[in-house]
């Protein structure tokens, strides 16, 4: 769920509510919490104090107001950082998990390029951890599909949504990366981790048969 600005309040993940989505209010029954206005004319910025309706922690919303009505403005920034975390299988190596979470941290501040580059790194590190060490990342994805540890459909997504996007960031001239592009890369990086680690015993059997992992 993306951050939503509705009637002057913000719907977002609250880090003090265990990652649950909460409504941050700009006022209670008796008063508004306060704001600072930047600019004498329009458009102007309004920095508004808020409070989580669940746990009461404070927050700050920055709203662009074009017509003199705060609640109908456009949300520019929101703090605390709202991080949407995907569920990962417990067997994912710690370094891969940390890299995946760092990509989510980048995304939480809308750094879509940095997040997408990290997801490409997640994919490459994951394949290396599973014995795919030779050739380019393209070759490694294709070998994993050939071995059957990822499906043909996942192979295409790994190329189109993760590898190519990451290559655009790392190797090509600067271009904007959109939230939708990041979201696709995030989804399919997670799916590949699930493919390789949800049923780990079966995957390891295949990897040993193909010589990717040593027999214990």
N, C-alpha and C. Protein backbone atom coordinates (compact mmCIF):
# COMPACT_ATOMS: atom_id res chain seq x y z
N UNK A 1 0.83 -1.20 0.00
CA UNK A 1 0.00 0.00 0.00
C UNK A 1 0.86 1.24 0.00
N UNK A 2 0.62 2.17 -0.91
CA UNK A 2 1.33 3.43 -0.92
C UNK A 2 0.77 4.37 0.13
N UNK A 3 1.53 5.42 0.42
CA UNK A 3 1.07 6.44 1.37
C UNK A 3 -0.11 7.18 0.76
N UNK A 4 -1.15 7.39 1.56
CA UNK A 4 -2.35 8.06 1.08
C UNK A 4 -2.63 9.30 1.92
N UNK A 5 -2.99 10.39 1.25
CA UNK A 5 -3.34 11.65 1.91
C UNK A 5 -4.83 11.88 1.70
N UNK A 6 -5.61 11.77 2.78
CA UNK A 6 -7.06 11.81 2.67
C UNK A 6 -7.62 12.76 3.73
N UNK A 7 -8.30 13.82 3.27
CA UNK A 7 -8.94 14.78 4.17
C UNK A 7 -7.98 15.35 5.21
N UNK A 8 -6.74 15.55 4.79
CA UNK A 8 -5.75 16.14 5.69
C UNK A 8 -5.01 15.16 6.56
N UNK A 9 -5.44 13.90 6.57
CA UNK A 9 -4.77 12.86 7.34
C UNK A 9 -3.94 11.97 6.41
N UNK A 10 -3.03 11.20 6.97
CA UNK A 10 -2.16 10.33 6.17
C UNK A 10 -2.36 8.89 6.61
N UNK A 11 -2.55 8.01 5.61
CA UNK A 11 -2.57 6.56 5.84
C UNK A 11 -1.23 5.99 5.42
N UNK A 12 -0.52 5.40 6.36
CA UNK A 12 0.81 4.89 6.08
C UNK A 12 1.19 3.83 7.10
N UNK A 13 2.25 3.10 6.79
CA UNK A 13 2.77 2.12 7.73
C UNK A 13 3.41 2.84 8.91
N UNK A 14 3.07 2.42 10.12
CA UNK A 14 3.66 3.02 11.33
C UNK A 14 4.72 2.07 11.88
N UNK A 15 5.98 2.52 11.99
CA UNK A 15 7.04 1.65 12.50
C UNK A 15 6.86 1.26 13.96
N UNK A 16 6.09 2.05 14.72
CA UNK A 16 5.88 1.73 16.13
C UNK A 16 4.63 0.87 16.35
N UNK A 17 3.91 0.56 15.28
CA UNK A 17 2.74 -0.33 15.37
C UNK A 17 3.04 -1.68 14.74
N UNK A 18 4.29 -2.08 14.78
CA UNK A 18 4.68 -3.37 14.23
C UNK A 18 4.56 -3.46 12.73
N UNK A 19 4.68 -2.33 12.05
CA UNK A 19 4.57 -2.32 10.59
C UNK A 19 3.15 -2.31 10.07
N UNK A 20 2.17 -2.10 10.96
CA UNK A 20 0.77 -2.06 10.54
C UNK A 20 0.45 -0.72 9.89
N UNK A 21 -0.53 -0.72 8.99
CA UNK A 21 -1.00 0.52 8.37
C UNK A 21 -1.88 1.25 9.38
N UNK A 22 -1.61 2.54 9.55
CA UNK A 22 -2.34 3.34 10.51
C UNK A 22 -2.73 4.67 9.89
N UNK A 23 -3.65 5.37 10.54
CA UNK A 23 -4.00 6.72 10.12
C UNK A 23 -3.31 7.72 11.05
N UNK A 24 -2.56 8.62 10.45
CA UNK A 24 -1.92 9.70 11.20
C UNK A 24 -2.81 10.94 11.07
N UNK A 25 -3.28 11.45 12.22
CA UNK A 25 -4.24 12.56 12.25
C UNK A 25 -3.51 13.88 12.48
N UNK A 26 -4.02 14.96 11.85
CA UNK A 26 -3.43 16.28 12.07
C UNK A 26 -4.11 17.03 13.21
N UNK A 27 -5.16 16.44 13.79
CA UNK A 27 -5.85 17.08 14.91
C UNK A 27 -6.58 16.02 15.72
N UNK A 28 -6.90 16.36 16.96
CA UNK A 28 -7.76 15.50 17.76
C UNK A 28 -9.10 16.20 17.94
N UNK A 29 -9.89 15.75 18.90
CA UNK A 29 -11.24 16.31 19.05
C UNK A 29 -11.23 17.77 19.47
N UNK A 30 -10.12 18.24 20.07
CA UNK A 30 -10.12 19.59 20.63
C UNK A 30 -9.26 20.60 19.87
N UNK A 31 -8.23 20.12 19.14
CA UNK A 31 -7.34 21.09 18.51
C UNK A 31 -6.47 20.44 17.43
N UNK A 32 -5.96 21.29 16.53
CA UNK A 32 -4.97 20.82 15.57
C UNK A 32 -3.61 20.79 16.26
N UNK A 33 -2.73 19.90 15.82
CA UNK A 33 -1.44 19.73 16.49
C UNK A 33 -0.45 20.84 16.13
N UNK A 34 -0.69 21.53 15.03
CA UNK A 34 0.16 22.67 14.69
C UNK A 34 0.85 22.50 13.35
N UNK A 35 1.18 23.61 12.73
CA UNK A 35 1.84 23.57 11.43
C UNK A 35 2.67 24.82 11.22
N UNK A 36 3.57 24.72 10.24
CA UNK A 36 4.39 25.86 9.81
C UNK A 36 4.14 26.05 8.32
N UNK A 37 3.88 27.30 7.90
CA UNK A 37 3.61 27.60 6.51
C UNK A 37 4.84 28.26 5.89
N UNK A 38 5.26 27.75 4.74
CA UNK A 38 6.37 28.33 4.01
C UNK A 38 5.85 28.97 2.73
N UNK A 39 5.99 30.27 2.63
CA UNK A 39 5.52 30.99 1.45
C UNK A 39 4.33 31.87 1.77
N UNK A 40 4.35 33.08 1.20
CA UNK A 40 3.26 34.02 1.48
C UNK A 40 2.11 33.86 0.50
N UNK A 41 2.42 33.40 -0.74
CA UNK A 41 1.38 33.22 -1.74
C UNK A 41 1.12 31.76 -2.03
N UNK A 42 0.60 31.50 -3.20
CA UNK A 42 0.30 30.12 -3.60
C UNK A 42 1.05 29.77 -4.88
N UNK A 43 1.51 28.56 -5.05
CA UNK A 43 1.43 27.48 -4.07
C UNK A 43 2.37 27.71 -2.89
N UNK A 44 2.10 27.08 -1.79
CA UNK A 44 2.91 27.18 -0.59
C UNK A 44 3.07 25.80 0.02
N UNK A 45 4.02 25.66 0.92
CA UNK A 45 4.22 24.40 1.63
C UNK A 45 3.73 24.54 3.06
N UNK A 46 3.08 23.49 3.54
CA UNK A 46 2.62 23.45 4.92
C UNK A 46 3.23 22.22 5.58
N UNK A 47 3.98 22.46 6.64
CA UNK A 47 4.59 21.39 7.42
C UNK A 47 3.71 21.14 8.64
N UNK A 48 3.09 19.98 8.69
CA UNK A 48 2.03 19.71 9.67
C UNK A 48 2.41 18.58 10.61
N UNK A 49 2.27 18.83 11.91
CA UNK A 49 2.46 17.79 12.91
C UNK A 49 1.28 16.84 12.91
N UNK A 50 1.58 15.54 13.12
CA UNK A 50 0.53 14.53 13.13
C UNK A 50 0.78 13.54 14.25
N UNK A 51 -0.22 12.71 14.51
CA UNK A 51 -0.10 11.67 15.53
C UNK A 51 -0.76 10.39 15.04
N UNK A 52 -0.08 9.27 15.24
CA UNK A 52 -0.62 7.97 14.84
C UNK A 52 -1.84 7.64 15.68
N UNK A 53 -2.93 7.25 15.00
CA UNK A 53 -4.15 6.90 15.72
C UNK A 53 -4.03 5.61 16.50
N UNK A 54 -3.01 4.80 16.20
CA UNK A 54 -2.83 3.54 16.92
C UNK A 54 -1.99 3.67 18.17
N UNK A 55 -0.75 4.19 18.01
CA UNK A 55 0.18 4.22 19.14
C UNK A 55 0.47 5.63 19.65
N UNK A 56 0.09 6.66 18.87
CA UNK A 56 0.29 8.03 19.32
C UNK A 56 1.63 8.65 18.95
N UNK A 57 2.50 7.91 18.21
CA UNK A 57 3.78 8.50 17.86
C UNK A 57 3.59 9.71 16.95
N UNK A 58 4.54 10.64 17.03
CA UNK A 58 4.46 11.84 16.22
C UNK A 58 4.90 11.60 14.78
N UNK A 59 4.48 12.51 13.91
CA UNK A 59 4.83 12.42 12.49
C UNK A 59 4.81 13.82 11.91
N UNK A 60 5.39 13.96 10.71
CA UNK A 60 5.42 15.25 10.04
C UNK A 60 5.07 15.06 8.57
N UNK A 61 4.06 15.79 8.11
CA UNK A 61 3.67 15.76 6.70
C UNK A 61 4.00 17.10 6.06
N UNK A 62 4.55 17.05 4.84
CA UNK A 62 4.78 18.25 4.05
C UNK A 62 3.79 18.25 2.90
N UNK A 63 2.95 19.27 2.85
CA UNK A 63 1.86 19.33 1.89
C UNK A 63 1.99 20.57 1.02
N UNK A 64 1.83 20.39 -0.29
CA UNK A 64 1.78 21.53 -1.20
C UNK A 64 0.33 22.01 -1.29
N UNK A 65 0.11 23.25 -0.93
CA UNK A 65 -1.24 23.84 -0.92
C UNK A 65 -1.31 24.89 -2.02
N UNK A 66 -2.17 24.66 -3.01
CA UNK A 66 -2.28 25.58 -4.14
C UNK A 66 -3.45 26.54 -4.05
N UNK A 67 -4.44 26.22 -3.22
CA UNK A 67 -5.68 27.01 -3.23
C UNK A 67 -6.08 27.54 -1.86
N UNK A 68 -5.21 27.36 -0.87
CA UNK A 68 -5.54 27.86 0.46
C UNK A 68 -6.37 26.90 1.29
N UNK A 69 -6.36 25.63 0.94
CA UNK A 69 -7.09 24.63 1.69
C UNK A 69 -6.18 23.43 1.92
N UNK A 70 -5.66 23.31 3.12
CA UNK A 70 -4.65 22.29 3.44
C UNK A 70 -5.11 20.88 3.08
N UNK A 71 -6.34 20.53 3.44
CA UNK A 71 -6.80 19.15 3.29
C UNK A 71 -6.95 18.71 1.84
N UNK A 72 -6.98 19.66 0.91
CA UNK A 72 -7.08 19.30 -0.50
C UNK A 72 -5.74 19.44 -1.22
N UNK A 73 -4.66 19.63 -0.46
CA UNK A 73 -3.35 19.78 -1.05
C UNK A 73 -2.74 18.46 -1.50
N UNK A 74 -1.48 18.51 -1.89
CA UNK A 74 -0.77 17.33 -2.38
C UNK A 74 0.36 16.98 -1.40
N UNK A 75 0.37 15.74 -0.95
CA UNK A 75 1.41 15.30 -0.02
C UNK A 75 2.74 15.19 -0.76
N UNK A 76 3.76 15.89 -0.28
CA UNK A 76 5.09 15.86 -0.88
C UNK A 76 6.01 14.89 -0.15
N UNK A 77 6.02 14.97 1.16
CA UNK A 77 6.90 14.12 1.98
C UNK A 77 6.16 13.72 3.24
N UNK A 78 6.59 12.61 3.82
CA UNK A 78 6.01 12.18 5.09
C UNK A 78 7.08 11.48 5.92
N UNK A 79 7.12 11.81 7.19
CA UNK A 79 8.02 11.16 8.15
C UNK A 79 7.20 10.75 9.36
N UNK A 80 7.31 9.53 9.88
CA UNK A 80 8.41 8.58 9.69
C UNK A 80 8.38 7.87 8.34
N UNK A 81 9.54 7.42 7.92
CA UNK A 81 9.67 6.68 6.68
C UNK A 81 8.75 5.46 6.71
N UNK A 82 7.98 5.32 5.66
CA UNK A 82 7.00 4.23 5.57
C UNK A 82 7.59 3.13 4.69
N UNK A 83 8.06 2.06 5.29
CA UNK A 83 8.74 0.99 4.56
C UNK A 83 7.80 -0.20 4.40
N UNK A 84 7.54 -0.57 3.14
CA UNK A 84 6.74 -1.76 2.86
C UNK A 84 7.68 -2.95 2.70
N UNK A 85 7.59 -3.89 3.62
CA UNK A 85 8.51 -5.02 3.64
C UNK A 85 7.82 -6.28 3.11
N UNK A 86 8.47 -6.91 2.16
CA UNK A 86 7.96 -8.17 1.63
C UNK A 86 8.38 -9.31 2.56
N UNK A 87 7.56 -10.34 2.60
CA UNK A 87 7.88 -11.53 3.39
C UNK A 87 8.91 -12.36 2.65
N UNK A 88 9.97 -12.78 3.35
CA UNK A 88 11.01 -13.60 2.76
C UNK A 88 11.11 -14.93 3.50
N UNK A 89 11.45 -16.01 2.80
CA UNK A 89 11.62 -17.31 3.47
C UNK A 89 12.75 -17.24 4.50
N UNK A 90 12.67 -18.03 5.56
CA UNK A 90 13.67 -17.96 6.62
C UNK A 90 15.06 -18.41 6.19
N UNK A 91 15.19 -19.19 5.14
CA UNK A 91 16.49 -19.71 4.76
C UNK A 91 17.32 -18.81 3.87
N UNK A 92 16.81 -17.64 3.50
CA UNK A 92 17.56 -16.72 2.64
C UNK A 92 18.82 -16.28 3.37
N UNK A 93 19.99 -16.33 2.73
CA UNK A 93 21.24 -15.93 3.39
C UNK A 93 21.15 -14.51 3.96
N UNK A 94 21.78 -14.26 5.11
CA UNK A 94 21.67 -12.94 5.76
C UNK A 94 22.09 -11.78 4.86
N UNK A 95 23.18 -11.95 4.09
CA UNK A 95 23.63 -10.87 3.24
C UNK A 95 22.63 -10.52 2.16
N UNK A 96 21.96 -11.53 1.61
CA UNK A 96 20.94 -11.30 0.59
C UNK A 96 19.73 -10.60 1.21
N UNK A 97 19.34 -11.06 2.39
CA UNK A 97 18.21 -10.43 3.08
C UNK A 97 18.50 -8.96 3.37
N UNK A 98 19.71 -8.68 3.86
CA UNK A 98 20.09 -7.30 4.18
C UNK A 98 20.06 -6.42 2.94
N UNK A 99 20.54 -6.94 1.82
CA UNK A 99 20.53 -6.17 0.58
C UNK A 99 19.09 -5.91 0.11
N UNK A 100 18.23 -6.91 0.23
CA UNK A 100 16.83 -6.76 -0.14
C UNK A 100 16.16 -5.68 0.73
N UNK A 101 16.44 -5.72 2.04
CA UNK A 101 15.84 -4.72 2.94
C UNK A 101 16.38 -3.32 2.65
N UNK A 102 17.64 -3.23 2.24
CA UNK A 102 18.19 -1.92 1.90
C UNK A 102 17.51 -1.36 0.65
N UNK A 103 17.17 -2.24 -0.29
CA UNK A 103 16.41 -1.79 -1.46
C UNK A 103 15.07 -1.22 -1.03
N UNK A 104 14.41 -1.88 -0.08
CA UNK A 104 13.12 -1.38 0.41
C UNK A 104 13.29 -0.04 1.13
N UNK A 105 14.42 0.12 1.84
CA UNK A 105 14.68 1.40 2.51
C UNK A 105 14.84 2.51 1.49
N UNK A 106 15.58 2.25 0.41
CA UNK A 106 15.70 3.24 -0.67
C UNK A 106 14.33 3.59 -1.24
N UNK A 107 13.50 2.58 -1.45
CA UNK A 107 12.17 2.81 -2.02
C UNK A 107 11.31 3.65 -1.08
N UNK A 108 11.52 3.53 0.21
CA UNK A 108 10.71 4.28 1.17
C UNK A 108 10.92 5.78 1.05
N UNK A 109 12.05 6.21 0.48
CA UNK A 109 12.29 7.63 0.25
C UNK A 109 12.25 7.94 -1.25
N UNK A 110 11.61 7.03 -2.00
CA UNK A 110 11.36 7.21 -3.43
C UNK A 110 12.64 7.25 -4.26
N UNK A 111 13.68 6.61 -3.76
CA UNK A 111 14.94 6.49 -4.52
C UNK A 111 14.85 5.23 -5.38
N UNK A 112 14.02 5.32 -6.43
CA UNK A 112 13.69 4.13 -7.22
C UNK A 112 14.92 3.59 -7.96
N UNK A 113 15.81 4.46 -8.41
CA UNK A 113 17.01 3.99 -9.12
C UNK A 113 17.90 3.19 -8.19
N UNK A 114 18.21 3.73 -7.04
CA UNK A 114 19.05 3.01 -6.09
C UNK A 114 18.43 1.69 -5.66
N UNK A 115 17.12 1.70 -5.42
CA UNK A 115 16.42 0.49 -5.01
C UNK A 115 16.49 -0.57 -6.10
N UNK A 116 16.32 -0.15 -7.36
CA UNK A 116 16.34 -1.11 -8.47
C UNK A 116 17.72 -1.71 -8.68
N UNK A 117 18.75 -0.89 -8.51
CA UNK A 117 20.12 -1.41 -8.62
C UNK A 117 20.40 -2.45 -7.54
N UNK A 118 19.92 -2.20 -6.33
CA UNK A 118 20.11 -3.15 -5.24
C UNK A 118 19.37 -4.46 -5.49
N UNK A 119 18.19 -4.39 -6.10
CA UNK A 119 17.45 -5.62 -6.40
C UNK A 119 18.17 -6.45 -7.46
N UNK A 120 18.81 -5.81 -8.40
CA UNK A 120 19.64 -6.54 -9.34
C UNK A 120 20.77 -7.25 -8.59
N UNK A 121 21.36 -6.55 -7.63
CA UNK A 121 22.42 -7.15 -6.82
C UNK A 121 21.89 -8.33 -6.00
N UNK A 122 20.67 -8.20 -5.49
CA UNK A 122 20.03 -9.31 -4.77
C UNK A 122 19.94 -10.54 -5.66
N UNK A 123 19.50 -10.35 -6.89
CA UNK A 123 19.36 -11.46 -7.82
C UNK A 123 20.71 -12.11 -8.10
N UNK A 124 21.72 -11.30 -8.35
CA UNK A 124 23.04 -11.85 -8.66
C UNK A 124 23.63 -12.59 -7.46
N UNK A 125 23.53 -12.00 -6.28
CA UNK A 125 24.07 -12.65 -5.08
C UNK A 125 23.34 -13.95 -4.78
N UNK A 126 22.03 -13.96 -5.00
CA UNK A 126 21.24 -15.17 -4.76
C UNK A 126 21.69 -16.30 -5.67
N UNK A 127 21.91 -16.02 -6.93
CA UNK A 127 22.34 -17.05 -7.86
C UNK A 127 23.74 -17.56 -7.52
N UNK A 128 24.62 -16.65 -7.12
CA UNK A 128 25.96 -17.07 -6.71
C UNK A 128 25.88 -17.99 -5.49
N UNK A 129 25.03 -17.64 -4.53
CA UNK A 129 24.87 -18.47 -3.32
C UNK A 129 24.39 -19.87 -3.68
N UNK A 130 23.71 -20.00 -4.81
CA UNK A 130 23.17 -21.30 -5.22
C UNK A 130 24.02 -22.00 -6.27
N UNK A 131 25.26 -21.54 -6.42
CA UNK A 131 26.21 -22.24 -7.27
C UNK A 131 26.29 -21.75 -8.70
N UNK A 132 25.57 -20.68 -9.04
CA UNK A 132 25.60 -20.14 -10.40
C UNK A 132 26.64 -19.03 -10.43
N UNK A 133 27.88 -19.40 -10.71
CA UNK A 133 29.00 -18.49 -10.56
C UNK A 133 29.68 -18.13 -11.88
N UNK A 134 29.31 -18.77 -12.96
CA UNK A 134 30.02 -18.56 -14.22
C UNK A 134 29.18 -17.73 -15.18
N UNK A 135 29.89 -16.92 -15.98
CA UNK A 135 29.22 -16.14 -17.00
C UNK A 135 28.58 -14.87 -16.44
N UNK A 136 27.82 -14.21 -17.30
CA UNK A 136 27.13 -12.98 -16.93
C UNK A 136 25.89 -13.30 -16.10
N UNK A 137 25.26 -12.26 -15.58
CA UNK A 137 24.01 -12.48 -14.85
C UNK A 137 22.96 -13.08 -15.78
N UNK A 138 22.94 -12.66 -17.02
CA UNK A 138 22.01 -13.25 -17.98
C UNK A 138 22.22 -14.75 -18.09
N UNK A 139 23.49 -15.17 -18.19
CA UNK A 139 23.81 -16.59 -18.29
C UNK A 139 23.36 -17.34 -17.04
N UNK A 140 23.56 -16.74 -15.89
CA UNK A 140 23.22 -17.41 -14.63
C UNK A 140 21.71 -17.61 -14.49
N UNK A 141 20.94 -16.59 -14.89
CA UNK A 141 19.48 -16.73 -14.87
C UNK A 141 19.05 -17.87 -15.78
N UNK A 142 19.61 -17.89 -16.98
CA UNK A 142 19.24 -18.93 -17.95
C UNK A 142 19.62 -20.33 -17.45
N UNK A 143 20.75 -20.46 -16.79
CA UNK A 143 21.17 -21.75 -16.25
C UNK A 143 20.24 -22.20 -15.12
N UNK A 144 19.80 -21.27 -14.28
CA UNK A 144 18.87 -21.62 -13.20
C UNK A 144 17.55 -22.12 -13.77
N UNK A 145 17.09 -21.50 -14.86
CA UNK A 145 15.87 -21.96 -15.50
C UNK A 145 16.08 -23.32 -16.16
N UNK A 146 17.22 -23.50 -16.79
CA UNK A 146 17.54 -24.78 -17.43
C UNK A 146 17.56 -25.91 -16.40
N UNK A 147 18.06 -25.62 -15.21
CA UNK A 147 18.10 -26.64 -14.15
C UNK A 147 16.73 -26.88 -13.53
N UNK A 148 15.80 -25.96 -13.74
CA UNK A 148 14.45 -26.12 -13.21
C UNK A 148 14.22 -25.56 -11.82
N UNK A 149 15.19 -24.79 -11.30
CA UNK A 149 14.98 -24.22 -9.96
C UNK A 149 14.16 -22.93 -10.03
N UNK A 150 14.06 -22.33 -11.22
CA UNK A 150 13.08 -21.27 -11.46
C UNK A 150 12.34 -21.62 -12.74
N UNK A 151 11.12 -21.15 -12.87
CA UNK A 151 10.31 -21.49 -14.04
C UNK A 151 10.69 -20.61 -15.22
N UNK A 152 10.21 -20.98 -16.40
CA UNK A 152 10.43 -20.18 -17.60
C UNK A 152 9.80 -18.79 -17.46
N UNK A 153 8.63 -18.75 -16.83
CA UNK A 153 7.98 -17.46 -16.62
C UNK A 153 8.81 -16.58 -15.68
N UNK A 154 9.35 -17.19 -14.63
CA UNK A 154 10.19 -16.44 -13.69
C UNK A 154 11.49 -16.01 -14.36
N UNK A 155 12.02 -16.85 -15.25
CA UNK A 155 13.22 -16.51 -16.01
C UNK A 155 13.01 -15.22 -16.78
N UNK A 156 11.88 -15.11 -17.47
CA UNK A 156 11.58 -13.91 -18.26
C UNK A 156 11.46 -12.68 -17.35
N UNK A 157 10.78 -12.83 -16.22
CA UNK A 157 10.63 -11.71 -15.30
C UNK A 157 11.97 -11.29 -14.71
N UNK A 158 12.82 -12.28 -14.41
CA UNK A 158 14.15 -11.96 -13.88
C UNK A 158 14.94 -11.13 -14.87
N UNK A 159 14.82 -11.48 -16.14
CA UNK A 159 15.51 -10.69 -17.18
C UNK A 159 14.87 -9.32 -17.35
N UNK A 160 13.56 -9.30 -17.62
CA UNK A 160 12.89 -8.07 -18.04
C UNK A 160 12.72 -7.07 -16.90
N UNK A 161 12.37 -7.56 -15.71
CA UNK A 161 11.98 -6.67 -14.62
C UNK A 161 13.07 -6.41 -13.59
N UNK A 162 14.07 -7.28 -13.52
CA UNK A 162 15.12 -7.10 -12.52
C UNK A 162 16.47 -6.81 -13.17
N UNK A 163 16.94 -7.72 -14.02
CA UNK A 163 18.28 -7.57 -14.59
C UNK A 163 18.38 -6.36 -15.53
N UNK A 164 17.47 -6.26 -16.49
CA UNK A 164 17.56 -5.17 -17.46
C UNK A 164 17.38 -3.82 -16.79
N UNK A 165 16.45 -3.72 -15.84
CA UNK A 165 16.24 -2.47 -15.13
C UNK A 165 17.49 -2.08 -14.35
N UNK A 166 18.08 -3.06 -13.64
CA UNK A 166 19.31 -2.78 -12.91
C UNK A 166 20.44 -2.38 -13.82
N UNK A 167 20.53 -3.02 -14.99
CA UNK A 167 21.56 -2.65 -15.96
C UNK A 167 21.37 -1.22 -16.47
N UNK A 168 20.12 -0.83 -16.68
CA UNK A 168 19.83 0.55 -17.11
C UNK A 168 20.40 1.55 -16.10
N UNK A 169 20.23 1.24 -14.82
CA UNK A 169 20.70 2.13 -13.76
C UNK A 169 22.23 2.15 -13.71
N UNK A 170 22.83 0.97 -13.79
CA UNK A 170 24.27 0.86 -13.57
C UNK A 170 25.11 1.23 -14.79
N UNK A 171 24.61 0.96 -15.98
CA UNK A 171 25.48 1.03 -17.16
C UNK A 171 25.05 2.05 -18.21
N UNK A 172 23.79 2.43 -18.25
CA UNK A 172 23.31 3.32 -19.32
C UNK A 172 23.24 4.76 -18.84
N UNK A 173 22.92 5.66 -19.76
CA UNK A 173 22.75 7.06 -19.40
C UNK A 173 21.58 7.20 -18.43
N UNK A 174 21.62 8.29 -17.66
CA UNK A 174 20.60 8.49 -16.63
C UNK A 174 19.22 8.56 -17.26
N UNK A 175 18.29 7.89 -16.62
CA UNK A 175 16.86 8.03 -16.95
C UNK A 175 16.07 7.83 -15.68
N UNK A 176 14.88 8.34 -15.67
CA UNK A 176 14.01 8.17 -14.51
C UNK A 176 13.55 6.71 -14.42
N UNK A 177 13.57 6.18 -13.22
CA UNK A 177 12.97 4.88 -12.93
C UNK A 177 11.68 5.15 -12.16
N UNK A 178 10.59 4.55 -12.61
CA UNK A 178 9.30 4.82 -12.00
C UNK A 178 9.02 3.90 -10.82
N UNK A 179 8.06 4.30 -10.03
CA UNK A 179 7.64 3.46 -8.90
C UNK A 179 7.13 2.11 -9.39
N UNK A 180 6.40 2.10 -10.50
CA UNK A 180 5.88 0.84 -11.04
C UNK A 180 7.00 -0.10 -11.47
N UNK A 181 8.06 0.45 -12.05
CA UNK A 181 9.21 -0.38 -12.45
C UNK A 181 9.86 -0.99 -11.21
N UNK A 182 10.06 -0.18 -10.19
CA UNK A 182 10.62 -0.71 -8.94
C UNK A 182 9.70 -1.79 -8.36
N UNK A 183 8.40 -1.53 -8.35
CA UNK A 183 7.46 -2.47 -7.74
C UNK A 183 7.53 -3.84 -8.42
N UNK A 184 7.66 -3.85 -9.75
CA UNK A 184 7.77 -5.12 -10.47
C UNK A 184 9.07 -5.83 -10.11
N UNK A 185 10.17 -5.09 -10.07
CA UNK A 185 11.46 -5.69 -9.71
C UNK A 185 11.42 -6.24 -8.29
N UNK A 186 10.80 -5.50 -7.39
CA UNK A 186 10.68 -5.92 -5.99
C UNK A 186 9.88 -7.21 -5.88
N UNK A 187 8.75 -7.26 -6.59
CA UNK A 187 7.88 -8.43 -6.55
C UNK A 187 8.61 -9.67 -7.05
N UNK A 188 9.28 -9.54 -8.19
CA UNK A 188 9.86 -10.75 -8.79
C UNK A 188 11.19 -11.14 -8.14
N UNK A 189 11.90 -10.20 -7.55
CA UNK A 189 13.05 -10.59 -6.73
C UNK A 189 12.57 -11.42 -5.54
N UNK A 190 11.47 -10.99 -4.92
CA UNK A 190 10.90 -11.76 -3.82
C UNK A 190 10.46 -13.15 -4.28
N UNK A 191 9.80 -13.22 -5.43
CA UNK A 191 9.30 -14.50 -5.93
C UNK A 191 10.46 -15.47 -6.22
N UNK A 192 11.56 -14.96 -6.74
CA UNK A 192 12.71 -15.82 -7.01
C UNK A 192 13.31 -16.34 -5.71
N UNK A 193 13.35 -15.50 -4.70
CA UNK A 193 13.83 -15.96 -3.39
C UNK A 193 12.90 -17.04 -2.83
N UNK A 194 11.61 -16.88 -3.04
CA UNK A 194 10.67 -17.92 -2.61
C UNK A 194 10.88 -19.21 -3.39
N UNK A 195 11.12 -19.09 -4.70
CA UNK A 195 11.37 -20.28 -5.51
C UNK A 195 12.55 -21.08 -4.96
N UNK A 196 13.59 -20.39 -4.56
CA UNK A 196 14.84 -21.04 -4.18
C UNK A 196 14.89 -21.46 -2.71
N UNK A 197 14.06 -20.83 -1.86
CA UNK A 197 14.20 -21.10 -0.43
C UNK A 197 12.94 -21.59 0.27
N UNK A 198 11.78 -21.52 -0.35
CA UNK A 198 10.57 -22.03 0.31
C UNK A 198 10.62 -23.54 0.49
N UNK A 199 11.00 -24.24 -0.56
CA UNK A 199 11.13 -25.71 -0.48
C UNK A 199 12.60 -26.05 -0.67
N UNK A 200 13.38 -25.67 0.32
CA UNK A 200 14.83 -25.69 0.18
C UNK A 200 15.39 -27.09 -0.05
N UNK A 201 14.86 -28.08 0.63
CA UNK A 201 15.40 -29.43 0.48
C UNK A 201 15.31 -29.90 -0.96
N UNK A 202 14.18 -29.67 -1.62
CA UNK A 202 14.01 -30.08 -3.01
C UNK A 202 14.95 -29.31 -3.94
N UNK A 203 15.11 -28.02 -3.69
CA UNK A 203 16.01 -27.21 -4.51
C UNK A 203 17.45 -27.68 -4.35
N UNK A 204 17.85 -27.93 -3.12
CA UNK A 204 19.23 -28.38 -2.89
C UNK A 204 19.49 -29.72 -3.55
N UNK A 205 18.49 -30.57 -3.60
CA UNK A 205 18.66 -31.85 -4.29
C UNK A 205 18.96 -31.63 -5.77
N UNK A 206 18.23 -30.73 -6.40
CA UNK A 206 18.48 -30.41 -7.81
C UNK A 206 19.86 -29.80 -7.98
N UNK A 207 20.23 -28.89 -7.09
CA UNK A 207 21.52 -28.22 -7.20
C UNK A 207 22.68 -29.19 -7.03
N UNK A 208 22.51 -30.22 -6.21
CA UNK A 208 23.56 -31.23 -6.06
C UNK A 208 23.62 -32.13 -7.29
N UNK A 209 22.47 -32.47 -7.83
CA UNK A 209 22.44 -33.31 -9.03
C UNK A 209 23.10 -32.62 -10.22
N UNK A 210 22.99 -31.30 -10.27
CA UNK A 210 23.58 -30.55 -11.38
C UNK A 210 24.99 -30.05 -11.08
N UNK A 211 25.49 -30.41 -9.92
CA UNK A 211 26.86 -30.02 -9.55
C UNK A 211 27.01 -28.60 -9.07
N UNK A 212 25.89 -27.95 -8.79
CA UNK A 212 25.97 -26.57 -8.29
C UNK A 212 26.40 -26.52 -6.82
N UNK A 213 25.94 -27.47 -6.04
CA UNK A 213 26.31 -27.56 -4.64
C UNK A 213 27.02 -28.88 -4.38
N UNK A 214 27.96 -28.85 -3.47
CA UNK A 214 28.68 -30.07 -3.12
C UNK A 214 27.79 -30.96 -2.27
N UNK A 215 27.94 -32.27 -2.43
CA UNK A 215 27.18 -33.24 -1.61
C UNK A 215 27.81 -33.25 -0.22
N UNK A 216 26.98 -33.11 0.83
CA UNK A 216 27.53 -33.08 2.19
C UNK A 216 28.10 -34.44 2.60
